[in-house]
């Protein structure tokens, strides 16, 4: 996909789409096909059978991203959350936007004789604190304000897995790639 390799990792399970998931999947395909959701019949065009996967190895990322349902199984063993991702999409005006989301589950869906690798995500409303905390780059230290809408996205939209840090009853996302502090950025430009 997108000339990059993505892998879904076990465990896997077979399931049927819930009604709410079906609505979000119809919106995804309508955006993909540049049509209205009314042009896709959820009872005729949408196959409700899916294969859910626990984890996804993203292109160029060393760690696998877990689904939220898989995280629940391993909470007792490991306190590190790995179900949060940074993703890139285009808004309604065709401009790129960065979003942060929790992966509810990864799944494979067949639509019009083509298999799609997808993720069902809970997006977040967020505030970027990177600059005020001394980072030269934006989107490095993100405070989660509240949960946003649910969406279906292609795994190609997922850029990277993100770590979560809790501090004073607030949750922050810490992006793993190297953080440049303002002093380091100034030294590089000399």
C-alpha atoms as a PDB file:
ATOM      1  CA  UNK A   1       0.000   0.000   0.000  1.00  0.00           C
ATOM      2  CA  UNK A   2       1.394   3.437  -0.901  1.00  0.00           C
ATOM      3  CA  UNK A   3       4.670   1.652  -1.835  1.00  0.00           C
ATOM      4  CA  UNK A   4       5.123   0.948   1.897  1.00  0.00           C
ATOM      5  CA  UNK A   5       4.658  -2.277   3.819  1.00  0.00           C
ATOM      6  CA  UNK A   6       2.075  -2.648   6.592  1.00  0.00           C
ATOM      7  CA  UNK A   7       1.505  -5.849   8.540  1.00  0.00           C
ATOM      8  CA  UNK A   8      -1.376  -6.859  10.772  1.00  0.00           C
ATOM      9  CA  UNK A   9      -0.255  -9.041  13.665  1.00  0.00           C
ATOM     10  CA  UNK A  10      -2.023 -11.741  15.700  1.00  0.00           C
ATOM     11  CA  UNK A  11      -4.229 -12.408  17.479  1.00  0.00           C
ATOM     12  CA  UNK A  12      -7.037 -12.072  14.965  1.00  0.00           C
ATOM     13  CA  UNK A  13     -10.753 -12.698  15.225  1.00  0.00           C
ATOM     14  CA  UNK A  14     -13.744 -12.753  12.927  1.00  0.00           C
ATOM     15  CA  UNK A  15     -16.592 -10.349  13.684  1.00  0.00           C
ATOM     16  CA  UNK A  16     -19.557  -8.504  12.253  1.00  0.00           C
ATOM     17  CA  UNK A  17     -19.637  -4.729  11.991  1.00  0.00           C
ATOM     18  CA  UNK A  18     -21.780  -2.991  14.573  1.00  0.00           C
ATOM     19  CA  UNK A  19     -24.394  -0.528  13.203  1.00  0.00           C
ATOM     20  CA  UNK A  20     -22.327   2.505  14.294  1.00  0.00           C
ATOM     21  CA  UNK A  21     -19.180   1.054  12.694  1.00  0.00           C
ATOM     22  CA  UNK A  22     -21.128   0.452   9.472  1.00  0.00           C
ATOM     23  CA  UNK A  23     -22.144   4.135   9.339  1.00  0.00           C
ATOM     24  CA  UNK A  24     -18.515   5.220   9.727  1.00  0.00           C
ATOM     25  CA  UNK A  25     -17.383   2.702   7.114  1.00  0.00           C
ATOM     26  CA  UNK A  26     -19.960   4.043   4.625  1.00  0.00           C
ATOM     27  CA  UNK A  27     -18.590   7.582   5.225  1.00  0.00           C
ATOM     28  CA  UNK A  28     -15.039   6.306   4.631  1.00  0.00           C
ATOM     29  CA  UNK A  29     -15.945   4.697   1.296  1.00  0.00           C
ATOM     30  CA  UNK A  30     -18.008   7.746   0.247  1.00  0.00           C
ATOM     31  CA  UNK A  31     -14.937   9.961   0.813  1.00  0.00           C
ATOM     32  CA  UNK A  32     -12.706   7.455  -0.971  1.00  0.00           C
ATOM     33  CA  UNK A  33     -15.036   7.276  -3.991  1.00  0.00           C
ATOM     34  CA  UNK A  34     -15.859  11.010  -3.943  1.00  0.00           C
ATOM     35  CA  UNK A  35     -19.599  10.398  -3.641  1.00  0.00           C
ATOM     36  CA  UNK A  36     -22.253  10.924  -0.986  1.00  0.00           C
ATOM     37  CA  UNK A  37     -22.945   8.317   1.715  1.00  0.00           C
ATOM     38  CA  UNK A  38     -26.453   7.927   0.231  1.00  0.00           C
ATOM     39  CA  UNK A  39     -24.893   6.494  -2.917  1.00  0.00           C
ATOM     40  CA  UNK A  40     -23.564   3.536  -0.895  1.00  0.00           C
ATOM     41  CA  UNK A  41     -26.208   1.128   0.358  1.00  0.00           C
ATOM     42  CA  UNK A  42     -25.196  -0.074   3.853  1.00  0.00           C
ATOM     43  CA  UNK A  43     -27.436  -3.143   3.445  1.00  0.00           C
ATOM     44  CA  UNK A  44     -26.334  -4.107  -0.061  1.00  0.00           C
ATOM     45  CA  UNK A  45     -22.882  -2.630  -0.732  1.00  0.00           C
ATOM     46  CA  UNK A  46     -21.334  -3.169   2.690  1.00  0.00           C
ATOM     47  CA  UNK A  47     -20.187  -6.627   3.693  1.00  0.00           C
ATOM     48  CA  UNK A  48     -20.591  -6.708   7.480  1.00  0.00           C
ATOM     49  CA  UNK A  49     -18.054  -9.521   7.944  1.00  0.00           C
ATOM     50  CA  UNK A  50     -14.614  -8.302   9.017  1.00  0.00           C
ATOM     51  CA  UNK A  51     -11.374  -9.776  10.270  1.00  0.00           C
ATOM     52  CA  UNK A  52     -10.124  -7.888  13.341  1.00  0.00           C
ATOM     53  CA  UNK A  53      -6.432  -7.788  14.147  1.00  0.00           C
ATOM     54  CA  UNK A  54      -4.781  -6.939  17.481  1.00  0.00           C
ATOM     55  CA  UNK A  55      -1.743  -5.029  16.211  1.00  0.00           C
ATOM     56  CA  UNK A  56      -0.300  -3.313  13.154  1.00  0.00           C
ATOM     57  CA  UNK A  57       3.335  -2.827  12.201  1.00  0.00           C
ATOM     58  CA  UNK A  58       3.428   0.525  10.414  1.00  0.00           C
ATOM     59  CA  UNK A  59       5.791   1.258   7.554  1.00  0.00           C
ATOM     60  CA  UNK A  60       9.090   2.577   8.917  1.00  0.00           C
ATOM     61  CA  UNK A  61       8.073   2.222  12.601  1.00  0.00           C
ATOM     62  CA  UNK A  62      10.000  -0.154  14.864  1.00  0.00           C
ATOM     63  CA  UNK A  63       7.160  -0.834  17.316  1.00  0.00           C
ATOM     64  CA  UNK A  64       3.793  -2.326  16.508  1.00  0.00           C
ATOM     65  CA  UNK A  65       0.718  -0.273  17.350  1.00  0.00           C
ATOM     66  CA  UNK A  66      -1.839  -2.166  19.432  1.00  0.00           C
ATOM     67  CA  UNK A  67      -5.584  -1.840  19.208  1.00  0.00           C
ATOM     68  CA  UNK A  68      -7.387  -0.579  22.291  1.00  0.00           C
ATOM     69  CA  UNK A  69      -9.082  -3.957  22.729  1.00  0.00           C
ATOM     70  CA  UNK A  70      -5.665  -5.665  22.765  1.00  0.00           C
ATOM     71  CA  UNK A  71      -4.329  -3.042  25.221  1.00  0.00           C
ATOM     72  CA  UNK A  72      -7.032  -4.060  27.706  1.00  0.00           C
ATOM     73  CA  UNK A  73      -5.709  -7.613  27.698  1.00  0.00           C
ATOM     74  CA  UNK A  74      -2.153  -6.596  28.470  1.00  0.00           C
ATOM     75  CA  UNK A  75      -2.780  -3.723  30.943  1.00  0.00           C
ATOM     76  CA  UNK A  76      -2.060  -5.995  33.890  1.00  0.00           C
ATOM     77  CA  UNK A  77       1.319  -6.946  32.419  1.00  0.00           C
ATOM     78  CA  UNK A  78       2.543  -3.675  30.906  1.00  0.00           C
ATOM     79  CA  UNK A  79       1.411  -0.148  31.825  1.00  0.00           C
ATOM     80  CA  UNK A  80       2.655   1.422  28.581  1.00  0.00           C
ATOM     81  CA  UNK A  81      -0.163   2.298  26.198  1.00  0.00           C
ATOM     82  CA  UNK A  82       0.597   1.789  22.522  1.00  0.00           C
ATOM     83  CA  UNK A  83      -2.812   2.212  20.914  1.00  0.00           C
ATOM     84  CA  UNK A  84      -2.458   5.961  20.178  1.00  0.00           C
ATOM     85  CA  UNK A  85      -1.321   7.156  16.746  1.00  0.00           C
ATOM     86  CA  UNK A  86      -0.584  10.320  14.826  1.00  0.00           C
ATOM     87  CA  UNK A  87      -2.336  10.329  11.473  1.00  0.00           C
ATOM     88  CA  UNK A  88      -2.403  12.587   8.435  1.00  0.00           C
ATOM     89  CA  UNK A  89      -5.419  13.208   6.245  1.00  0.00           C
ATOM     90  CA  UNK A  90      -6.816  15.887   3.981  1.00  0.00           C
ATOM     91  CA  UNK A  91      -9.587  18.146   5.237  1.00  0.00           C
ATOM     92  CA  UNK A  92     -12.637  19.119   3.158  1.00  0.00           C
ATOM     93  CA  UNK A  93     -10.577  21.825   1.413  1.00  0.00           C
ATOM     94  CA  UNK A  94      -7.857  19.359   0.423  1.00  0.00           C
ATOM     95  CA  UNK A  95      -5.375  20.725   2.995  1.00  0.00           C
ATOM     96  CA  UNK A  96      -3.310  18.269   5.058  1.00  0.00           C
ATOM     97  CA  UNK A  97      -4.197  17.997   8.746  1.00  0.00           C
ATOM     98  CA  UNK A  98      -2.573  16.172  11.640  1.00  0.00           C
ATOM     99  CA  UNK A  99      -4.800  14.240  14.010  1.00  0.00           C
ATOM    100  CA  UNK A 100      -4.231  12.058  17.043  1.00  0.00           C
ATOM    101  CA  UNK A 101      -6.390   9.033  17.732  1.00  0.00           C
ATOM    102  CA  UNK A 102      -6.750   5.866  19.741  1.00  0.00           C
ATOM    103  CA  UNK A 103      -7.068   2.724  17.620  1.00  0.00           C
ATOM    104  CA  UNK A 104     -10.181   0.814  18.677  1.00  0.00           C
ATOM    105  CA  UNK A 105      -9.378  -2.061  16.317  1.00  0.00           C
ATOM    106  CA  UNK A 106      -7.609  -2.855  13.071  1.00  0.00           C
ATOM    107  CA  UNK A 107      -9.574  -4.759  10.473  1.00  0.00           C
ATOM    108  CA  UNK A 108      -9.648  -6.079   6.941  1.00  0.00           C
ATOM    109  CA  UNK A 109     -12.785  -5.359   4.944  1.00  0.00           C
ATOM    110  CA  UNK A 110     -13.757  -6.470   1.451  1.00  0.00           C
ATOM    111  CA  UNK A 111     -15.563  -3.836  -0.616  1.00  0.00           C
ATOM    112  CA  UNK A 112     -16.379  -4.219  -4.306  1.00  0.00           C
ATOM    113  CA  UNK A 113     -13.960  -7.137  -4.684  1.00  0.00           C
ATOM    114  CA  UNK A 114     -11.054  -5.297  -3.066  1.00  0.00           C
ATOM    115  CA  UNK A 115      -9.618  -5.898   0.406  1.00  0.00           C
ATOM    116  CA  UNK A 116      -8.856  -2.808   2.486  1.00  0.00           C
ATOM    117  CA  UNK A 117      -6.580  -2.599   5.545  1.00  0.00           C
ATOM    118  CA  UNK A 118      -8.399  -0.228   7.892  1.00  0.00           C
ATOM    119  CA  UNK A 119      -8.449   1.092  11.445  1.00  0.00           C
ATOM    120  CA  UNK A 120     -11.461   2.160  13.486  1.00  0.00           C
ATOM    121  CA  UNK A 121     -10.262   5.101  15.593  1.00  0.00           C
ATOM    122  CA  UNK A 122     -11.452   7.494  18.306  1.00  0.00           C
ATOM    123  CA  UNK A 123      -9.987  10.903  17.430  1.00  0.00           C
ATOM    124  CA  UNK A 124      -8.860  13.427  20.061  1.00  0.00           C
ATOM    125  CA  UNK A 125      -9.274  17.179  20.403  1.00  0.00           C
ATOM    126  CA  UNK A 126      -5.811  18.382  21.474  1.00  0.00           C
ATOM    127  CA  UNK A 127      -3.535  21.316  22.308  1.00  0.00           C
ATOM    128  CA  UNK A 128       0.081  21.437  21.113  1.00  0.00           C
ATOM    129  CA  UNK A 129       2.439  22.484  23.971  1.00  0.00           C
ATOM    130  CA  UNK A 130       5.670  21.785  22.089  1.00  0.00           C
ATOM    131  CA  UNK A 131       6.846  25.371  21.594  1.00  0.00           C
ATOM    132  CA  UNK A 132       5.978  26.571  25.098  1.00  0.00           C
ATOM    133  CA  UNK A 133       7.902  23.624  26.594  1.00  0.00           C
ATOM    134  CA  UNK A 134      11.045  24.430  24.561  1.00  0.00           C
ATOM    135  CA  UNK A 135      10.775  22.195  21.488  1.00  0.00           C
ATOM    136  CA  UNK A 136      11.809  23.596  18.126  1.00  0.00           C
ATOM    137  CA  UNK A 137       9.265  21.388  16.329  1.00  0.00           C
ATOM    138  CA  UNK A 138       5.493  21.383  16.583  1.00  0.00           C
ATOM    139  CA  UNK A 139       3.453  18.224  17.310  1.00  0.00           C
ATOM    140  CA  UNK A 140       5.966  16.833  19.846  1.00  0.00           C
ATOM    141  CA  UNK A 141       4.158  17.354  23.189  1.00  0.00           C
ATOM    142  CA  UNK A 142       0.389  17.199  22.847  1.00  0.00           C
ATOM    143  CA  UNK A 143      -2.216  17.538  25.607  1.00  0.00           C
ATOM    144  CA  UNK A 144      -5.407  15.573  25.066  1.00  0.00           C
ATOM    145  CA  UNK A 145      -8.380  17.836  25.776  1.00  0.00           C
ATOM    146  CA  UNK A 146     -11.234  15.426  25.054  1.00  0.00           C
ATOM    147  CA  UNK A 147     -12.317  12.645  22.759  1.00  0.00           C
ATOM    148  CA  UNK A 148     -13.536  13.561  19.287  1.00  0.00           C
ATOM    149  CA  UNK A 149     -15.555  11.625  16.705  1.00  0.00           C
ATOM    150  CA  UNK A 150     -15.063   8.013  15.683  1.00  0.00           C
ATOM    151  CA  UNK A 151     -13.719   7.396  12.168  1.00  0.00           C
ATOM    152  CA  UNK A 152     -12.614   4.643   9.835  1.00  0.00           C
ATOM    153  CA  UNK A 153      -9.227   5.362   8.241  1.00  0.00           C
ATOM    154  CA  UNK A 154      -6.868   3.480   5.956  1.00  0.00           C
ATOM    155  CA  UNK A 155      -3.734   2.243   7.704  1.00  0.00           C
ATOM    156  CA  UNK A 156      -1.776   4.339   5.186  1.00  0.00           C
ATOM    157  CA  UNK A 157      -3.006   7.447   7.062  1.00  0.00           C
ATOM    158  CA  UNK A 158      -1.291   6.260  10.269  1.00  0.00           C
ATOM    159  CA  UNK A 159       2.093   7.951  10.575  1.00  0.00           C
ATOM    160  CA  UNK A 160       3.436   6.603  13.862  1.00  0.00           C
ATOM    161  CA  UNK A 161       2.674   5.180  17.270  1.00  0.00           C
ATOM    162  CA  UNK A 162       2.691   7.622  20.171  1.00  0.00           C
ATOM    163  CA  UNK A 163       3.479   7.222  23.881  1.00  0.00           C
ATOM    164  CA  UNK A 164       1.168   8.551  26.603  1.00  0.00           C
ATOM    165  CA  UNK A 165       2.317  10.310  29.770  1.00  0.00           C
ATOM    166  CA  UNK A 166      -0.095  11.157  32.597  1.00  0.00           C
ATOM    167  CA  UNK A 167       0.660  14.232  34.694  1.00  0.00           C
ATOM    168  CA  UNK A 168      -1.618  16.090  37.124  1.00  0.00           C
ATOM    169  CA  UNK A 169      -4.780  14.332  35.893  1.00  0.00           C
ATOM    170  CA  UNK A 170      -3.991  15.294  32.281  1.00  0.00           C
ATOM    171  CA  UNK A 171      -2.814  13.052  29.464  1.00  0.00           C
ATOM    172  CA  UNK A 172      -0.001  14.093  27.146  1.00  0.00           C
ATOM    173  CA  UNK A 173       1.171  12.433  23.963  1.00  0.00           C
ATOM    174  CA  UNK A 174       4.925  12.217  23.607  1.00  0.00           C
ATOM    175  CA  UNK A 175       6.104  11.729  20.032  1.00  0.00           C
ATOM    176  CA  UNK A 176       9.042   9.298  19.950  1.00  0.00           C
ATOM    177  CA  UNK A 177      11.087  10.803  17.141  1.00  0.00           C
ATOM    178  CA  UNK A 178      14.021  12.955  18.269  1.00  0.00           C
ATOM    179  CA  UNK A 179      13.032  16.216  19.933  1.00  0.00           C
ATOM    180  CA  UNK A 180      15.070  19.258  18.951  1.00  0.00           C
ATOM    181  CA  UNK A 181      15.212  21.881  21.685  1.00  0.00           C
ATOM    182  CA  UNK A 182      15.476  25.515  20.605  1.00  0.00           C
ATOM    183  CA  UNK A 183      19.225  25.632  21.517  1.00  0.00           C
ATOM    184  CA  UNK A 184      19.945  22.603  19.303  1.00  0.00           C
ATOM    185  CA  UNK A 185      18.011  24.101  16.392  1.00  0.00           C
ATOM    186  CA  UNK A 186      19.946  27.381  16.675  1.00  0.00           C
ATOM    187  CA  UNK A 187      23.298  25.520  16.768  1.00  0.00           C
ATOM    188  CA  UNK A 188      22.370  23.555  13.602  1.00  0.00           C
ATOM    189  CA  UNK A 189      21.651  26.755  11.683  1.00  0.00           C
ATOM    190  CA  UNK A 190      25.092  28.290  12.424  1.00  0.00           C
END
